[in-house]
Structure formats: structure tokens, C-alpha cells
C-alpha atoms as a PDB file:
ATOM      1  CA  MET A   1      68.028  10.289  -2.554  1.00  0.00           C
ATOM      2  CA  SER A   2      70.198   7.225  -3.182  1.00  0.00           C
ATOM      3  CA  THR A   3      70.548   5.719  -6.639  1.00  0.00           C
ATOM      4  CA  ALA A   4      69.247   2.354  -5.379  1.00  0.00           C
ATOM      5  CA  ARG A   5      66.118   4.021  -4.024  1.00  0.00           C
ATOM      6  CA  ASN A   6      65.528   5.864  -7.298  1.00  0.00           C
ATOM      7  CA  ARG A   7      65.815   2.613  -9.239  1.00  0.00           C
ATOM      8  CA  LEU A   8      63.377   0.894  -6.851  1.00  0.00           C
ATOM      9  CA  MET A   9      60.804   3.702  -7.155  1.00  0.00           C
ATOM     10  CA  ALA A  10      61.105   3.771 -10.948  1.00  0.00           C
ATOM     11  CA  LYS A  11      60.579   0.025 -11.076  1.00  0.00           C
ATOM     12  CA  HIS A  12      57.294   0.162  -9.112  1.00  0.00           C
ATOM     13  CA  ARG A  13      56.022   3.586 -10.231  1.00  0.00           C
ATOM     14  CA  ALA A  14      53.784   2.138 -12.957  1.00  0.00           C
ATOM     15  CA  GLU A  15      52.286  -0.383 -10.531  1.00  0.00           C
ATOM     16  CA  ALA A  16      51.688   2.362  -7.926  1.00  0.00           C
ATOM     17  CA  GLN A  17      50.047   4.646 -10.488  1.00  0.00           C
ATOM     18  CA  ALA A  18      47.808   1.803 -11.724  1.00  0.00           C
ATOM     19  CA  TRP A  19      46.784   0.972  -8.139  1.00  0.00           C
ATOM     20  CA  LEU A  20      46.056   4.625  -7.386  1.00  0.00           C
ATOM     21  CA  GLN A  21      43.985   4.968 -10.569  1.00  0.00           C
ATOM     22  CA  ASP A  22      41.944   1.897  -9.643  1.00  0.00           C
ATOM     23  CA  GLU A  23      41.268   3.326  -6.196  1.00  0.00           C
ATOM     24  CA  VAL A  24      40.177   6.685  -7.630  1.00  0.00           C
ATOM     25  CA  GLU A  25      37.821   5.073 -10.167  1.00  0.00           C
ATOM     26  CA  ARG A  26      36.308   2.594  -7.730  1.00  0.00           C
ATOM     27  CA  PRO A  27      32.687   3.648  -7.077  1.00  0.00           C
ATOM     28  CA  VAL A  28      32.000   4.884  -3.574  1.00  0.00           C
ATOM     29  CA  PRO A  29      29.421   2.600  -1.929  1.00  0.00           C
ATOM     30  CA  SER A  30      26.145   4.174  -0.870  1.00  0.00           C
ATOM     31  CA  GLU A  31      25.289   4.397   2.799  1.00  0.00           C
ATOM     32  CA  ASP A  32      22.959   1.403   2.430  1.00  0.00           C
ATOM     33  CA  GLU A  33      25.634  -0.659   0.647  1.00  0.00           C
ATOM     34  CA  TYR A  34      28.268   0.193   3.261  1.00  0.00           C
ATOM     35  CA  ASP A  35      25.983  -0.590   6.190  1.00  0.00           C
ATOM     36  CA  SER A  36      24.878  -3.836   4.525  1.00  0.00           C
ATOM     37  CA  LEU A  37      28.524  -4.900   4.165  1.00  0.00           C
ATOM     38  CA  VAL A  38      29.324  -4.061   7.801  1.00  0.00           C
ATOM     39  CA  ARG A  39      26.245  -5.900   9.103  1.00  0.00           C
ATOM     40  CA  ALA A  40      26.887  -8.931   6.882  1.00  0.00           C
ATOM     41  CA  GLN A  41      30.516  -9.142   8.075  1.00  0.00           C
ATOM     42  CA  TRP A  42      29.393  -8.889  11.700  1.00  0.00           C
ATOM     43  CA  LEU A  43      26.855 -11.664  11.127  1.00  0.00           C
ATOM     44  CA  GLU A  44      29.493 -13.843   9.455  1.00  0.00           C
ATOM     45  CA  GLY A  45      31.711 -13.438  12.504  1.00  0.00           C
ATOM     46  CA  ALA A  46      28.841 -14.177  14.893  1.00  0.00           C
ATOM     47  CA  ARG A  47      28.032 -17.387  13.024  1.00  0.00           C
ATOM     48  CA  THR A  48      31.501 -18.755  13.703  1.00  0.00           C
ATOM     49  CA  TYR A  49      30.313 -19.022  17.316  1.00  0.00           C
ATOM     50  CA  ASP A  50      26.620 -19.680  16.678  1.00  0.00           C
ATOM     51  CA  SER A  51      25.625 -21.087  13.290  1.00  0.00           C
ATOM     52  CA  GLY A  52      22.005 -20.023  13.826  1.00  0.00           C
ATOM     53  CA  ALA A  53      22.767 -16.375  14.579  1.00  0.00           C
ATOM     54  CA  THR A  54      20.616 -13.759  12.835  1.00  0.00           C
ATOM     55  CA  LEU A  55      20.101 -10.040  13.068  1.00  0.00           C
ATOM     56  CA  ALA A  56      16.854  -8.487  14.278  1.00  0.00           C
ATOM     57  CA  GLU A  57      14.575  -7.060  11.589  1.00  0.00           C
ATOM     58  CA  GLU A  58      14.015  -3.348  12.115  1.00  0.00           C
ATOM     59  CA  LEU A  59      12.060  -0.637  10.342  1.00  0.00           C
ATOM     60  CA  ILE A  60      13.364   2.856  11.001  1.00  0.00           C
ATOM     61  CA  LEU A  61      11.178   5.893  10.302  1.00  0.00           C
ATOM     62  CA  ARG A  62      12.885   9.269  10.357  1.00  0.00           C
ATOM     63  CA  LEU A  63      10.681  12.360  10.269  1.00  0.00           C
ATOM     64  CA  ARG A  64      12.137  15.646   9.019  1.00  0.00           C
ATOM     65  CA  GLY A  65      10.444  19.010   9.337  1.00  0.00           C
ATOM     66  CA  ASP A  66       9.519  21.700  11.850  1.00  0.00           C
ATOM     67  CA  ALA A  67       7.077  19.357  13.594  1.00  0.00           C
ATOM     68  CA  ALA A  68       9.906  16.860  14.251  1.00  0.00           C
ATOM     69  CA  GLN A  69      12.763  19.093  15.389  1.00  0.00           C
ATOM     70  CA  SER A  70      12.473  18.289  19.092  1.00  0.00           C
ATOM     71  CA  GLY A  71      13.727  14.718  18.778  1.00  0.00           C
ATOM     72  CA  GLY A  72      10.486  13.455  20.282  1.00  0.00           C
ATOM     73  CA  LEU A  73       7.085  12.633  18.851  1.00  0.00           C
ATOM     74  CA  ASP A  74       4.087  14.866  19.455  1.00  0.00           C
ATOM     75  CA  LEU A  75       1.126  12.555  20.084  1.00  0.00           C
ATOM     76  CA  THR A  76      -0.963  14.734  17.754  1.00  0.00           C
ATOM     77  CA  VAL A  77       1.356  13.652  14.948  1.00  0.00           C
ATOM     78  CA  GLY A  78       2.060  10.127  16.139  1.00  0.00           C
ATOM     79  CA  GLY A  79      -1.565   9.242  16.711  1.00  0.00           C
ATOM     80  CA  GLN A  80      -2.358   9.976  13.070  1.00  0.00           C
ATOM     81  CA  LEU A  81       0.882   8.658  11.578  1.00  0.00           C
ATOM     82  CA  LEU A  82       1.332   5.217  13.082  1.00  0.00           C
ATOM     83  CA  LYS A  83      -2.037   3.736  12.095  1.00  0.00           C
ATOM     84  CA  PRO A  84      -1.555   4.082   8.288  1.00  0.00           C
ATOM     85  CA  LEU A  85       2.041   2.829   8.641  1.00  0.00           C
ATOM     86  CA  GLN A  86       0.803  -0.304  10.417  1.00  0.00           C
ATOM     87  CA  GLU A  87      -1.988  -0.803   7.860  1.00  0.00           C
ATOM     88  CA  MET A  88       0.428  -0.346   4.960  1.00  0.00           C
ATOM     89  CA  VAL A  89       2.708  -3.150   6.204  1.00  0.00           C
ATOM     90  CA  THR A  90      -0.241  -5.420   6.986  1.00  0.00           C
ATOM     91  CA  SER A  91      -1.813  -4.992   3.539  1.00  0.00           C
ATOM     92  CA  ALA A  92       1.518  -5.474   1.751  1.00  0.00           C
ATOM     93  CA  ALA A  93       2.064  -8.718   3.678  1.00  0.00           C
ATOM     94  CA  ASN A  94      -1.490  -9.965   2.995  1.00  0.00           C
ATOM     95  CA  ARG A  95      -1.816 -10.832   6.681  1.00  0.00           C
ATOM     96  CA  GLU A  96      -1.947  -9.199  10.078  1.00  0.00           C
ATOM     97  CA  VAL A  97       1.459  -7.784  11.064  1.00  0.00           C
ATOM     98  CA  LYS A  98       2.074  -6.049  14.388  1.00  0.00           C
ATOM     99  CA  LEU A  99       4.799  -3.410  14.537  1.00  0.00           C
ATOM    100  CA  LEU A 100       6.265  -2.699  17.969  1.00  0.00           C
ATOM    101  CA  LEU A 101       7.766   0.730  18.688  1.00  0.00           C
ATOM    102  CA  VAL A 102      11.024  -0.203  20.401  1.00  0.00           C
ATOM    103  CA  GLY A 103      12.838   3.125  20.543  1.00  0.00           C
ATOM    104  CA  ILE A 104      13.168   6.786  19.583  1.00  0.00           C
ATOM    105  CA  SER A 105      16.536   8.247  18.547  1.00  0.00           C
ATOM    106  CA  PRO A 106      17.787  11.833  18.174  1.00  0.00           C
ATOM    107  CA  GLY A 107      18.295  13.384  14.758  1.00  0.00           C
ATOM    108  CA  SER A 108      14.955  15.073  14.071  1.00  0.00           C
ATOM    109  CA  THR A 109      12.608  12.276  15.196  1.00  0.00           C
ATOM    110  CA  VAL A 110      13.738   8.710  14.503  1.00  0.00           C
ATOM    111  CA  LEU A 111      11.349   5.889  15.373  1.00  0.00           C
ATOM    112  CA  HIS A 112      12.477   2.265  15.560  1.00  0.00           C
ATOM    113  CA  PHE A 113       9.957  -0.539  14.915  1.00  0.00           C
ATOM    114  CA  ARG A 114      10.297  -4.302  15.021  1.00  0.00           C
ATOM    115  CA  PRO A 115       7.705  -6.803  13.821  1.00  0.00           C
ATOM    116  CA  ALA A 116       6.278  -8.959  16.578  1.00  0.00           C
ATOM    117  CA  GLU A 117       7.229 -12.616  16.477  1.00  0.00           C
ATOM    118  CA  GLU A 118       4.597 -14.499  14.448  1.00  0.00           C
ATOM    119  CA  ALA A 119       4.093 -17.840  12.731  1.00  0.00           C
ATOM    120  CA  SER A 120       5.788 -18.344   9.394  1.00  0.00           C
ATOM    121  CA  PRO A 121       3.719 -16.942   6.487  1.00  0.00           C
ATOM    122  CA  GLU A 122       4.554 -19.974   4.352  1.00  0.00           C
ATOM    123  CA  GLU A 123       2.012 -22.157   6.170  1.00  0.00           C
ATOM    124  CA  ALA A 124      -0.403 -24.292   4.128  1.00  0.00           C
ATOM    125  CA  PRO A 125      -3.608 -22.460   3.173  1.00  0.00           C
ATOM    126  CA  ALA A 126      -6.731 -23.144   5.179  1.00  0.00           C
ATOM    127  CA  VAL A 127      -9.260 -25.647   3.904  1.00  0.00           C
ATOM    128  CA  GLY A 128     -11.678 -23.934   1.548  1.00  0.00           C
ATOM    129  CA  ALA A 129      -9.264 -21.110   0.690  1.00  0.00           C
ATOM    130  CA  THR A 130      -9.521 -19.926  -2.889  1.00  0.00           C
ATOM    131  CA  ALA A 131      -6.743 -19.143  -5.324  1.00  0.00           C
ATOM    132  CA  SER A 132      -8.025 -15.558  -5.619  1.00  0.00           C
ATOM    133  CA  VAL A 133      -6.916 -14.778  -2.045  1.00  0.00           C
ATOM    134  CA  PRO A 134      -3.350 -13.396  -2.130  1.00  0.00           C
ATOM    135  CA  ALA A 135      -0.847 -15.625  -0.358  1.00  0.00           C
ATOM    136  CA  PRO A 136       0.711 -14.131   2.784  1.00  0.00           C
ATOM    137  CA  VAL A 137       4.340 -13.069   2.516  1.00  0.00           C
ATOM    138  CA  SER A 138       7.154 -12.318   4.940  1.00  0.00           C
ATOM    139  CA  VAL A 139       7.527  -8.896   6.532  1.00  0.00           C
ATOM    140  CA  ASP A 140      10.789  -8.522   4.615  1.00  0.00           C
ATOM    141  CA  THR A 141       8.995  -8.982   1.279  1.00  0.00           C
ATOM    142  CA  ALA A 142       6.175  -6.668   2.367  1.00  0.00           C
ATOM    143  CA  VAL A 143       8.514  -3.844   3.411  1.00  0.00           C
ATOM    144  CA  HIS A 144      10.470  -4.074   0.154  1.00  0.00           C
ATOM    145  CA  ARG A 145       7.159  -3.732  -1.718  1.00  0.00           C
ATOM    146  CA  ILE A 146       6.489  -0.557   0.268  1.00  0.00           C
ATOM    147  CA  LEU A 147       9.982   0.813  -0.368  1.00  0.00           C
ATOM    148  CA  ASP A 148       9.535   0.200  -4.104  1.00  0.00           C
ATOM    149  CA  LEU A 149       6.183   1.993  -3.959  1.00  0.00           C
ATOM    150  CA  LEU A 150       7.704   4.997  -2.174  1.00  0.00           C
ATOM    151  CA  THR A 151      10.542   5.123  -4.704  1.00  0.00           C
ATOM    152  CA  THR A 152       7.966   5.099  -7.519  1.00  0.00           C
ATOM    153  CA  ALA A 153       6.189   8.033  -5.880  1.00  0.00           C
ATOM    154  CA  GLU A 154       9.420   9.996  -5.406  1.00  0.00           C
ATOM    155  CA  SER A 155      10.250   9.521  -9.092  1.00  0.00           C
ATOM    156  CA  GLY A 156       6.885  11.006 -10.075  1.00  0.00           C
ATOM    157  CA  ARG A 157       5.873   7.911 -12.057  1.00  0.00           C
ATOM    158  CA  GLU A 158       2.346   6.553 -12.313  1.00  0.00           C
ATOM    159  CA  ASN A 159       1.755   3.449 -10.237  1.00  0.00           C
ATOM    160  CA  PRO A 160       0.253   0.612 -12.327  1.00  0.00           C
ATOM    161  CA  GLN A 161      -1.211  -1.189  -9.303  1.00  0.00           C
ATOM    162  CA  TRP A 162      -4.037  -0.183  -6.990  1.00  0.00           C
ATOM    163  CA  GLY A 163      -5.032  -1.785  -3.735  1.00  0.00           C
ATOM    164  CA  GLN A 164      -5.180  -1.427   0.033  1.00  0.00           C
ATOM    165  CA  THR A 165      -1.430  -0.793   0.311  1.00  0.00           C
ATOM    166  CA  GLU A 166      -1.723   2.253  -1.965  1.00  0.00           C
ATOM    167  CA  LYS A 167      -4.771   3.444  -0.030  1.00  0.00           C
ATOM    168  CA  SER A 168      -2.890   3.232   3.283  1.00  0.00           C
ATOM    169  CA  MET A 169       0.066   4.980   1.675  1.00  0.00           C
ATOM    170  CA  GLY A 170      -2.300   7.780   0.651  1.00  0.00           C
ATOM    171  CA  ASP A 171      -3.446   8.102   4.272  1.00  0.00           C
ATOM    172  CA  LEU A 172       0.189   8.274   5.396  1.00  0.00           C
ATOM    173  CA  ALA A 173       1.034  10.895   2.760  1.00  0.00           C
ATOM    174  CA  ARG A 174      -1.899  13.080   3.843  1.00  0.00           C
ATOM    175  CA  VAL A 175      -0.715  13.056   7.464  1.00  0.00           C
ATOM    176  CA  LEU A 176       2.822  13.963   6.392  1.00  0.00           C
ATOM    177  CA  ALA A 177       1.456  16.788   4.221  1.00  0.00           C
ATOM    178  CA  ARG A 178      -0.716  18.075   7.090  1.00  0.00           C
ATOM    179  CA  PHE A 179       2.388  18.584   9.252  1.00  0.00           C
ATOM    180  CA  ASP A 180       4.759  19.324   6.334  1.00  0.00           C
ATOM    181  CA  LEU A 181       7.015  16.368   7.113  1.00  0.00           C
ATOM    182  CA  THR A 182       9.371  14.270   5.018  1.00  0.00           C
ATOM    183  CA  ALA A 183       9.577  10.591   5.946  1.00  0.00           C
ATOM    184  CA  ASP A 184      12.741   8.517   5.484  1.00  0.00           C
ATOM    185  CA  LEU A 185      12.143   4.765   5.783  1.00  0.00           C
ATOM    186  CA  ARG A 186      15.006   2.349   6.340  1.00  0.00           C
ATOM    187  CA  TRP A 187      14.720  -1.439   6.574  1.00  0.00           C
ATOM    188  CA  MET A 188      17.358  -3.721   8.082  1.00  0.00           C
ATOM    189  CA  ASP A 189      16.779  -7.424   7.462  1.00  0.00           C
ATOM    190  CA  GLN A 190      17.924 -10.574   9.273  1.00  0.00           C
ATOM    191  CA  ALA A 191      20.744 -11.290   6.792  1.00  0.00           C
ATOM    192  CA  GLY A 192      22.348  -7.862   7.205  1.00  0.00           C
ATOM    193  CA  GLY A 193      20.806  -6.137   4.174  1.00  0.00           C
ATOM    194  CA  VAL A 194      19.862  -2.465   4.404  1.00  0.00           C
ATOM    195  CA  ALA A 195      17.492  -0.612   2.059  1.00  0.00           C
ATOM    196  CA  SER A 196      16.002   2.850   2.339  1.00  0.00           C
ATOM    197  CA  THR A 197      13.954   5.474   0.550  1.00  0.00           C
ATOM    198  CA  SER A 198      12.051   8.679   1.303  1.00  0.00           C
ATOM    199  CA  LEU A 199       8.670  10.310   0.845  1.00  0.00           C
ATOM    200  CA  SER A 200       9.184  14.054   0.408  1.00  0.00           C
ATOM    201  CA  GLU A 201       6.837  16.766  -0.819  1.00  0.00           C
ATOM    202  CA  ARG A 202       7.393  15.582  -4.392  1.00  0.00           C
ATOM    203  CA  GLY A 203       6.422  12.033  -3.462  1.00  0.00           C
ATOM    204  CA  ARG A 204       3.401  13.234  -1.474  1.00  0.00           C
ATOM    205  CA  ASP A 205       2.174  15.178  -4.515  1.00  0.00           C
ATOM    206  CA  THR A 206       2.550  12.061  -6.672  1.00  0.00           C
ATOM    207  CA  VAL A 207       0.562   9.961  -4.202  1.00  0.00           C
ATOM    208  CA  ALA A 208      -2.125  12.662  -4.107  1.00  0.00           C
ATOM    209  CA  SER A 209      -2.413  12.406  -7.896  1.00  0.00           C
ATOM    210  CA  TRP A 210      -2.867   8.623  -7.577  1.00  0.00           C
ATOM    211  CA  HIS A 211      -5.735   9.283  -5.173  1.00  0.00           C
ATOM    212  CA  ALA A 212      -7.330  12.021  -7.265  1.00  0.00           C
ATOM    213  CA  GLU A 213     -10.943  11.469  -8.193  1.00  0.00           C
ATOM    214  CA  VAL A 214     -11.243   9.061 -11.064  1.00  0.00           C
ATOM    215  CA  PRO A 215     -13.034  10.683 -14.033  1.00  0.00           C
ATOM    216  CA  THR A 216     -16.610   9.601 -14.684  1.00  0.00           C
ATOM    217  CA  VAL A 217     -18.925   9.788 -17.675  1.00  0.00           C
ATOM    218  CA  GLU A 218     -22.571  10.819 -17.839  1.00  0.00           C
ATOM    219  CA  PRO A 219     -25.007   8.087 -16.706  1.00  0.00           C
ATOM    220  CA  ASP A 220     -27.526   6.465 -19.032  1.00  0.00           C
ATOM    221  CA  THR A 221     -31.182   6.081 -18.045  1.00  0.00           C
ATOM    222  CA  LEU A 222     -32.903   2.798 -18.891  1.00  0.00           C
ATOM    223  CA  GLN A 223     -35.921   0.713 -17.933  1.00  0.00           C
ATOM    224  CA  ILE A 224     -35.672  -2.835 -16.638  1.00  0.00           C
ATOM    225  CA  SER A 225     -38.485  -5.306 -15.990  1.00  0.00           C
ATOM    226  CA  GLY A 226     -38.357  -8.627 -14.200  1.00  0.00           C
ATOM    227  CA  SER A 227     -38.785 -10.414 -10.908  1.00  0.00           C
ATOM    228  CA  ILE A 228     -37.016  -9.790  -7.617  1.00  0.00           C
ATOM    229  CA  THR A 229     -34.665 -12.694  -6.899  1.00  0.00           C
ATOM    230  CA  MET A 230     -32.586 -11.201  -4.074  1.00  0.00           C
ATOM    231  CA  LEU A 231     -33.031  -8.489  -1.431  1.00  0.00           C
ATOM    232  CA  ASP A 232     -30.300  -7.165   0.860  1.00  0.00           C
ATOM    233  CA  GLN A 233     -31.699  -4.347   2.979  1.00  0.00           C
ATOM    234  CA  PHE A 234     -28.429  -3.778   4.830  1.00  0.00           C
ATOM    235  CA  ALA A 235     -26.435  -3.297   1.628  1.00  0.00           C
ATOM    236  CA  GLY A 236     -29.322  -1.548  -0.139  1.00  0.00           C
ATOM    237  CA  VAL A 237     -29.285  -3.904  -3.132  1.00  0.00           C
ATOM    238  CA  ALA A 238     -32.027  -5.788  -4.992  1.00  0.00           C
ATOM    239  CA  LYS A 239     -31.415  -8.187  -7.863  1.00  0.00           C
ATOM    240  CA  VAL A 240     -33.867  -8.083 -10.775  1.00  0.00           C
ATOM    241  CA  LYS A 241     -33.841 -11.045 -13.189  1.00  0.00           C
ATOM    242  CA  THR A 242     -35.337 -10.185 -16.586  1.00  0.00           C
ATOM    243  CA  GLY A 243     -36.557 -13.665 -17.569  1.00  0.00           C
ATOM    244  CA  ALA A 244     -37.166 -17.222 -16.424  1.00  0.00           C
ATOM    245  CA  SER A 245     -34.209 -18.709 -18.283  1.00  0.00           C
ATOM    246  CA  LYS A 246     -30.927 -19.257 -16.445  1.00  0.00           C
ATOM    247  CA  LYS A 247     -29.250 -17.216 -19.181  1.00  0.00           C
ATOM    248  CA  SER A 248     -31.593 -14.243 -18.674  1.00  0.00           C
ATOM    249  CA  LYS A 249     -29.799 -11.058 -17.698  1.00  0.00           C
ATOM    250  CA  ALA A 250     -29.922  -9.991 -14.057  1.00  0.00           C
ATOM    251  CA  TYR A 251     -29.296  -6.509 -12.661  1.00  0.00           C
ATOM    252  CA  SER A 252     -28.008  -5.665  -9.186  1.00  0.00           C
ATOM    253  CA  VAL A 253     -29.818  -2.416  -8.445  1.00  0.00           C
ATOM    254  CA  GLN A 254     -28.460  -0.138  -5.723  1.00  0.00           C
ATOM    255  CA  PHE A 255     -30.768   2.029  -3.606  1.00  0.00           C
ATOM    256  CA  ASP A 256     -30.220   5.070  -1.434  1.00  0.00           C
ATOM    257  CA  PRO A 257     -30.353   4.322   2.316  1.00  0.00           C
ATOM    258  CA  GLY A 258     -33.927   3.675   3.427  1.00  0.00           C
ATOM    259  CA  ASP A 259     -35.451   3.517  -0.068  1.00  0.00           C
ATOM    260  CA  LEU A 260     -35.335  -0.259  -0.308  1.00  0.00           C
ATOM    261  CA  VAL A 261     -37.209  -0.643   2.989  1.00  0.00           C
ATOM    262  CA  GLY A 262     -39.759   1.997   1.959  1.00  0.00           C
ATOM    263  CA  LEU A 263     -40.590   0.211  -1.288  1.00  0.00           C
ATOM    264  CA  GLN A 264     -41.594  -2.934   0.619  1.00  0.00           C
ATOM    265  CA  LEU A 265     -40.446  -5.237  -2.169  1.00  0.00           C
ATOM    266  CA  THR A 266     -40.836  -8.999  -1.859  1.00  0.00           C
ATOM    267  CA  LEU A 267     -39.039 -11.935  -3.435  1.00  0.00           C
ATOM    268  CA  GLY A 268     -40.622 -13.029  -6.718  1.00  0.00           C
ATOM    269  CA  GLN A 269     -42.412  -9.714  -7.190  1.00  0.00           C
ATOM    270  CA  GLN A 270     -42.674  -8.384 -10.761  1.00  0.00           C
ATOM    271  CA  VAL A 271     -41.338  -4.841 -11.101  1.00  0.00           C
ATOM    272  CA  HIS A 272     -40.610  -2.253 -13.758  1.00  0.00           C
ATOM    273  CA  PHE A 273     -37.826   0.129 -12.681  1.00  0.00           C
ATOM    274  CA  THR A 274     -36.264   3.203 -14.216  1.00  0.00           C
ATOM    275  CA  VAL A 275     -32.571   3.072 -13.313  1.00  0.00           C
ATOM    276  CA  GLU A 276     -29.347   4.910 -14.051  1.00  0.00           C
ATOM    277  CA  GLU A 277     -26.313   3.082 -15.338  1.00  0.00           C
ATOM    278  CA  ARG A 278     -23.342   5.025 -14.045  1.00  0.00           C
ATOM    279  CA  PRO A 279     -20.146   4.060 -15.857  1.00  0.00           C
ATOM    280  CA  ARG A 280     -16.818   4.850 -14.252  1.00  0.00           C
ATOM    281  CA  ILE A 281     -13.247   4.565 -15.410  1.00  0.00           C
ATOM    282  CA  LYS A 282     -11.139   2.499 -13.063  1.00  0.00           C
ATOM    283  CA  ARG A 283      -7.524   3.370 -12.349  1.00  0.00           C
ATOM    284  CA  ASP A 284      -6.307   0.621 -14.639  1.00  0.00           C
ATOM    285  CA  GLY A 285      -8.193   2.255 -17.505  1.00  0.00           C
ATOM    286  CA  SER A 286     -10.945  -0.365 -17.728  1.00  0.00           C
ATOM    287  CA  LEU A 287     -14.631   0.565 -17.695  1.00  0.00           C
ATOM    288  CA  ALA A 288     -17.073  -0.548 -15.016  1.00  0.00           C
ATOM    289  CA  SER A 289     -20.675   0.420 -14.325  1.00  0.00           C
ATOM    290  CA  GLU A 290     -23.174   0.382 -11.483  1.00  0.00           C
ATOM    291  CA  ILE A 291     -27.002   0.413 -11.601  1.00  0.00           C
ATOM    292  CA  PHE A 292     -28.864   2.866  -9.336  1.00  0.00           C
ATOM    293  CA  PHE A 293     -32.614   3.018  -8.692  1.00  0.00           C
ATOM    294  CA  VAL A 294     -34.511   6.094  -9.974  1.00  0.00           C
ATOM    295  CA  SER A 295     -38.230   5.202  -9.825  1.00  0.00           C
ATOM    296  CA  TRP A 296     -40.687   2.312  -9.647  1.00  0.00           C
ATOM    297  CA  ASP A 297     -42.738   2.887 -12.786  1.00  0.00           C
ATOM    298  CA  ASN A 298     -45.574   0.413 -12.119  1.00  0.00           C
ATOM    299  CA  ARG A 299     -46.419   1.882  -8.748  1.00  0.00           C
ATOM    300  CA  SER A 300     -48.192   5.188  -8.252  1.00  0.00           C
ATOM    301  CA  ASN A 301     -46.822   5.923  -4.786  1.00  0.00           C
ATOM    302  CA  PRO A 302     -43.235   7.087  -4.273  1.00  0.00           C
ATOM    303  CA  PRO A 303     -40.961   5.233  -1.831  1.00  0.00           C
ATOM    304  CA  GLY A 304     -42.107   5.688   1.743  1.00  0.00           C
ATOM    305  CA  ALA A 305     -45.555   7.027   0.835  1.00  0.00           C
ATOM    306  CA  ASP A 306     -48.650   5.608   2.513  1.00  0.00           C
ATOM    307  CA  SER A 307     -50.803   3.242   0.442  1.00  0.00           C
ATOM    308  CA  PRO A 308     -54.212   4.628  -0.567  1.00  0.00           C
END
């Protein structure tokens, strides 16, 4: 090796070693990060020709397990799986969302869904809408809520929220458990972003614990007297107001199916009921209670009996 070449290599050796060290220490991007970068760069190039260019939103569901080895979807599995998936997205978006199955790919069973074109969720609320009704959100926001929920389940953590989305997720987890399947969900948004997570056996067990029966406490028996101010035979509920004052306590008493009709109660009627107050602990730890009919103490005949 020539002297000039040796001097040149010695001069730049420190720079080369520093560059190599930086490359070695640079974190390797995850698959989602890499795909997001590639999609974003493609979109940037497309927008040089069309400033309004976007990418199609797509939800990819990959099923792994013996029931998904063929690369197709058994209708026995699909018929039970797709309904809770649809309901989960709809509830997370606080509005009706239609998912269209647009393709199936090899690699176990990989299903590709796209949301149907719909009006923007940021429309003004309807006249008469109340603030208690959750505002609708975009499909992108809804799917990220679901991905966060799945990640929480996979980590084994307790979920602080409880609603229809969690209920639909429980239905999905039960179907996956029935066929011993792991579900990988991947979301690709319009801006190029990619996010994914999974629901394995560990996650399914966590979801099952969320849906376990909430503990209850022993009911109390009490007597209530007052007048009937409301009757709902379809719901099996009668409201008993204990006094004439507006501030008098009122009880919503629940009846077993058919009992309310058999009692032949009328509005304004004075009654004396024995009821059970059944407390229950909600999933957020708060205490609630419901009142259930036991007997009508100022009537000699039981519900449904013929009058003498």
C-alpha cells in the first residue's frame, strides 16, 4: 500500500469509525415505523403531481392458528368473527361505520377491510341533541382507540373504562378463543401512518377477566308504601312515590315478567310492597342498587290469583 494512501486512511480513520459507531447505535425502526416512512414518502411524491392525493384507509386482520392455516376463511369462523369486529368499530366511533371486505391475502388468513365512504363525523349536532351523547369521531380515531384497548389487554392491565366497545371486544375475544386463534390488527391511515397490535391467548384471558361476573352483595328486604305514579308493563317497572310532596322519595320497582300484569295495578293506587334492594358493585368500583318486587302486603291474593 502506498504511503500517500496510508496517510489518507489515517487522516479519515477517526471520521470513519465515528460514522460506523453512529450507524451501529442507531435504533432499528419497527416494521410499523418503516412502513409509515415508506408510505409517507410515496404520498409526498404523489402530491407533487396531485396536491389532494391521499392514501386509502385500510384495516388488516390477520388470523393465526390451526383454523386459519388454509389462507382462506371458513364461514363458520367468519360468520361469528366479523359481526363483533364491525360493532367494535361502530361503538368506538360513536356512529354507524360500515366495513367492506375488499380482499383476502395469503399468510395464514389475512383479511383487508376499508370503511365505506360516509359523511364527515364533524357535522353539527342535530337539534335537540344533548351534551351527554358522545360526539362522533373519525374511523381513524376509532381504530386507534381499539388498538390501544387491545394493547392494554395484551399487557394484562385492568381497563379503567367500560362501554359497548369493550363488550364487542369481549364478543370478539370469545370467538377467537373458541377457535384458538390469535388476531393481528393493522391500521393504515390516509396520511401514510401504520399502527398495529395483537390479541393473543394472553390478551383473550385479560378480556375474559374484564367480562367476569361483577361481585354482588346480599340484598336487603324493606317495605315501601305510597301511590303508583307510573306503570310500564313492557319494561316490568312501576314507580311508587312515598308522599305527596315533590321531594318525597320515589322507588322504581322491577317485576318478573308477567307479575306486573297479574297484579292489575292502576295509576294513583295506594300500595304497600315488600321489596328487595339488590346492591351491586359496578366495574368502576362505585355502588348501585336496584329494587325488585317480593310481595304485595295489603292484598291477600298472590299475583295472578283469581279474586274471591
